[in-house]
Amino acid sequence: MISLAWIVPAYECAKLLRTLPPPAPLPSAPSTTPASSSVPALPPKHPHFSPEQSAAVRRFATLFVSVAAFSALSPVADALLFWLPLYEEIKVAFLAWLLLPGTRGADVLFDKAFVPLLEEHGPALDAAVSRARAAVSAHASEKAGSALRALRSRAGAAVAQLQAAAASAGAASPAKRKA
C-alpha cells in the first residue's frame, strides 16, 4: 500500500519534466546536429529556472519519477518473479543503471516509457488525480469535523465535571472550617 504513495508525486514530477528543456547529450555520444550547423541549438528557457537550475531540476525529477515507478512496481514484480535465478541481482543492476549519471538510465526510461504514456493517457490521469484529491479532501473534512465535534463534546463534559467538583468542594469547605 505504501508504494501507492509514490504515484501522484511522481506524476506531478513527470508533468513538470515535460516543461523543462531536454537533457544535454552525453559527452561520448555523437552529436545529433547536422555537420553543416556550427551553432548548437539552445534549449528553450523555463520561466522559473535558470538553465543550470533546469538541468538540476530535470535530473532530480527524472530520478524521482524513475525510482517512484520502480518502488511502486517492485512489490508486483517481486510477487511474480521471485523464483527467477539472480532476480535480486538483476534488480540491483537495474537500479544502478537508473541512478548512475554516466548511464542516463533514468532519462532513457522517462523518454522512452513515461513520455509516450503521458501523451496518451495524460488527460485521463489528470481527471483521475482530480477526483482522488476531491474524494480525499471530502473524507478528511468529514473526519476532521466529526473529530472536532467529539472533542467539543468531551471537553464540555470535562468542564462540567470540573465545575461540579469545584462547586461541591466550595460547599464542603465552609463546613470543614466550622467543625
Foldseek 3Di string as FASTA:
>chain_A
DVLVVLPPVLVVLLVVLVQFWAADDDPVDDDPDDPVDPDDDDTDDRPPDDNVVSNVSNLVSLLSNVVSVCSNCVVVCCVVPVPDPCPVVVVVVLNCCCPDPNNVNSSCCCVVPVVVVCVVCVVVVVVVVVVVVVVVVVVVVVVVVVVVVVVVVVVVVVVVVVVVVVVVVVVVVVVVVVD
